Amino acid sequence: MKPTLHQGLTGSSSTVVGLALTAPEFATQFSHFADGPLALSTMGLVGFVEQACMELLAGHLEGDEFSVGVDVELTHTTPTPVGGSITANIEVIVVEPKTVLFAVTVNDEESVVSIGQHRRAILNRGRYDNKLAEKAERLRG
């Protein structure tokens, strides 16, 4: 991590809720989502928050570093229909040697959709890819 990554750093990210963020879009993998509403799903919300945190981190990582989500604690208290806009407001609240903790608030045009925290681990891409390949080989047996 670069020294520019520090507690108090803030950012925001917005998107329009499309079909890809709704529960029915996940039904090919998770059949019980097929009858879900055409609104922002919790899975879509989590992905959006992860993306917003990655955007904030982007300029603060060294060339061989990347991040992965390791902890998510979010509410999802109100629906946002397809076509509605959502905005994530992100703040870095803890920077540790290998992780970063973010405070998150997501709003739509009318209300607070989600509040919570998200932690990302900062990893070396080469080491991660090697460990992943080794595990894949072991699992293939």
Protein backbone atom coordinates (compact mmCIF):
# COMPACT_ATOMS: atom_id res chain seq x y z
CA MET A 1 0.00 0.00 0.00
CA LYS A 2 1.09 3.50 -0.71
CA PRO A 3 1.30 6.04 2.13
CA THR A 4 -1.52 7.95 0.44
CA LEU A 5 -3.97 5.37 1.81
CA HIS A 6 -5.00 6.65 5.23
CA GLN A 7 -7.81 6.80 7.74
CA GLY A 8 -10.37 9.43 6.76
CA LEU A 9 -9.95 8.99 2.99
CA THR A 10 -13.38 9.21 1.35
CA GLY A 11 -14.96 8.47 -1.98
CA SER A 12 -18.28 7.81 -3.61
CA SER A 13 -19.60 5.76 -6.49
CA SER A 14 -22.98 5.73 -8.21
CA THR A 15 -24.83 3.43 -10.56
CA VAL A 16 -28.28 2.84 -11.97
CA VAL A 17 -29.87 -0.42 -10.84
CA GLY A 18 -30.11 -2.66 -13.88
CA LEU A 19 -31.46 -6.17 -14.28
CA ALA A 20 -27.97 -7.59 -13.61
CA LEU A 21 -28.24 -6.42 -9.97
CA THR A 22 -31.60 -8.12 -9.32
CA ALA A 23 -32.23 -11.51 -7.71
CA PRO A 24 -33.65 -13.22 -10.84
CA GLU A 25 -30.33 -12.64 -12.62
CA PHE A 26 -28.64 -14.99 -10.13
CA ALA A 27 -31.21 -17.76 -10.68
CA THR A 28 -29.06 -19.75 -13.08
CA GLN A 29 -26.72 -20.42 -10.16
CA PHE A 30 -29.24 -20.14 -7.27
CA SER A 31 -32.67 -21.38 -8.34
CA HIS A 32 -34.63 -19.90 -5.43
CA PHE A 33 -33.83 -16.39 -6.69
CA ALA A 34 -35.92 -16.92 -9.84
CA ASP A 35 -39.05 -15.41 -8.27
CA GLY A 36 -37.22 -12.47 -6.69
CA PRO A 37 -38.37 -8.91 -7.28
CA LEU A 38 -36.98 -6.62 -9.96
CA ALA A 39 -35.16 -4.53 -7.39
CA LEU A 40 -31.61 -4.25 -6.14
CA SER A 41 -30.76 -7.62 -4.59
CA THR A 42 -28.57 -8.01 -1.55
CA MET A 43 -26.04 -9.85 -3.72
CA GLY A 44 -26.06 -6.91 -6.13
CA LEU A 45 -25.71 -4.47 -3.23
CA VAL A 46 -22.67 -6.31 -1.86
CA GLY A 47 -21.04 -6.37 -5.29
CA PHE A 48 -21.71 -2.65 -5.73
CA VAL A 49 -20.15 -1.86 -2.33
CA GLU A 50 -17.10 -4.00 -3.14
CA GLN A 51 -16.70 -2.20 -6.47
CA ALA A 52 -16.95 1.21 -4.76
CA CYS A 53 -14.27 0.24 -2.23
CA MET A 54 -12.01 -1.11 -4.99
CA GLU A 55 -12.40 2.16 -6.88
CA LEU A 56 -11.30 4.09 -3.79
CA LEU A 57 -8.29 1.79 -3.31
CA ALA A 58 -7.22 1.86 -6.96
CA GLY A 59 -4.72 4.70 -6.79
CA HIS A 60 -3.32 3.67 -3.43
CA LEU A 61 -2.00 0.17 -4.15
CA GLU A 62 1.45 -0.79 -5.38
CA GLY A 63 1.77 -2.32 -8.85
CA ASP A 64 1.80 -5.93 -7.64
CA GLU A 65 -1.06 -5.49 -5.14
CA PHE A 66 -4.79 -6.08 -5.44
CA SER A 67 -7.60 -6.48 -2.94
CA VAL A 68 -10.19 -9.09 -2.08
CA GLY A 69 -13.21 -8.75 0.16
CA VAL A 70 -12.85 -10.64 3.43
CA ASP A 71 -15.72 -9.29 5.55
CA VAL A 72 -19.06 -7.67 4.77
CA GLU A 73 -21.49 -6.36 7.36
CA LEU A 74 -24.30 -4.43 5.65
CA THR A 75 -27.96 -3.78 6.25
CA HIS A 76 -30.36 -3.78 3.31
CA THR A 77 -33.41 -1.97 4.58
CA THR A 78 -35.34 -0.67 1.60
CA PRO A 79 -35.85 -1.73 -2.02
CA THR A 80 -34.55 0.20 -5.00
CA PRO A 81 -36.36 -0.65 -8.24
CA VAL A 82 -34.71 -1.26 -11.59
CA GLY A 83 -33.96 2.16 -13.04
CA GLY A 84 -33.33 3.75 -9.65
CA SER A 85 -29.94 5.30 -8.88
CA ILE A 86 -27.82 4.33 -5.89
CA THR A 87 -24.76 6.04 -4.45
CA ALA A 88 -22.22 4.52 -2.06
CA ASN A 89 -20.37 6.89 0.23
CA ILE A 90 -17.21 5.21 1.48
CA GLU A 91 -14.75 6.19 4.22
CA VAL A 92 -11.54 4.42 5.19
CA ILE A 93 -11.81 3.96 8.96
CA VAL A 94 -8.91 1.58 9.67
CA VAL A 95 -5.71 0.87 7.72
CA GLU A 96 -3.77 -2.16 8.95
CA PRO A 97 -0.67 -3.72 7.39
CA LYS A 98 -2.71 -6.20 5.32
CA THR A 99 -6.33 -4.98 5.49
CA VAL A 100 -8.44 -1.87 5.08
CA LEU A 101 -11.80 -1.33 6.79
CA PHE A 102 -14.41 0.94 5.19
CA ALA A 103 -17.56 2.54 6.60
CA VAL A 104 -20.30 2.44 3.97
CA THR A 105 -23.61 4.18 3.42
CA VAL A 106 -25.67 3.52 0.30
CA ASN A 107 -28.55 5.83 -0.64
CA ASP A 108 -31.05 5.89 -3.45
CA GLU A 109 -32.90 9.01 -4.56
CA GLU A 110 -35.32 8.69 -1.65
CA SER A 111 -33.74 7.00 1.35
CA VAL A 112 -30.88 5.13 2.99
CA VAL A 113 -30.64 1.67 1.41
CA SER A 114 -27.73 0.26 3.43
CA ILE A 115 -25.24 1.06 6.15
CA GLY A 116 -22.35 -1.01 7.41
CA GLN A 117 -18.72 -1.91 6.99
CA HIS A 118 -16.58 -3.76 4.50
CA ARG A 119 -13.03 -5.07 4.96
CA ARG A 120 -10.64 -5.82 2.13
CA ALA A 121 -7.34 -7.68 2.31
CA ILE A 122 -4.42 -6.27 0.32
CA LEU A 123 -2.55 -9.11 -1.39
CA ASN A 124 0.38 -9.71 -3.71
CA ARG A 125 -1.01 -10.89 -7.06
CA GLY A 126 1.82 -13.33 -7.86
CA ARG A 127 1.70 -15.07 -4.48
CA TYR A 128 -2.09 -15.23 -4.55
CA ASP A 129 -2.19 -16.71 -8.06
CA ASN A 130 0.46 -19.31 -7.12
CA LYS A 131 -1.46 -20.39 -4.01
CA LEU A 132 -4.69 -20.54 -5.96
CA ALA A 133 -3.10 -22.70 -8.68
CA GLU A 134 -1.64 -25.03 -6.03
CA LYS A 135 -5.03 -25.42 -4.37
CA ALA A 136 -6.76 -26.03 -7.71
CA GLU A 137 -4.22 -28.77 -8.44
CA ARG A 138 -4.79 -30.41 -5.03
CA LEU A 139 -8.55 -30.33 -5.51
CA ARG A 140 -8.28 -31.97 -8.92
CA GLY A 141 -6.41 -34.71 -7.11
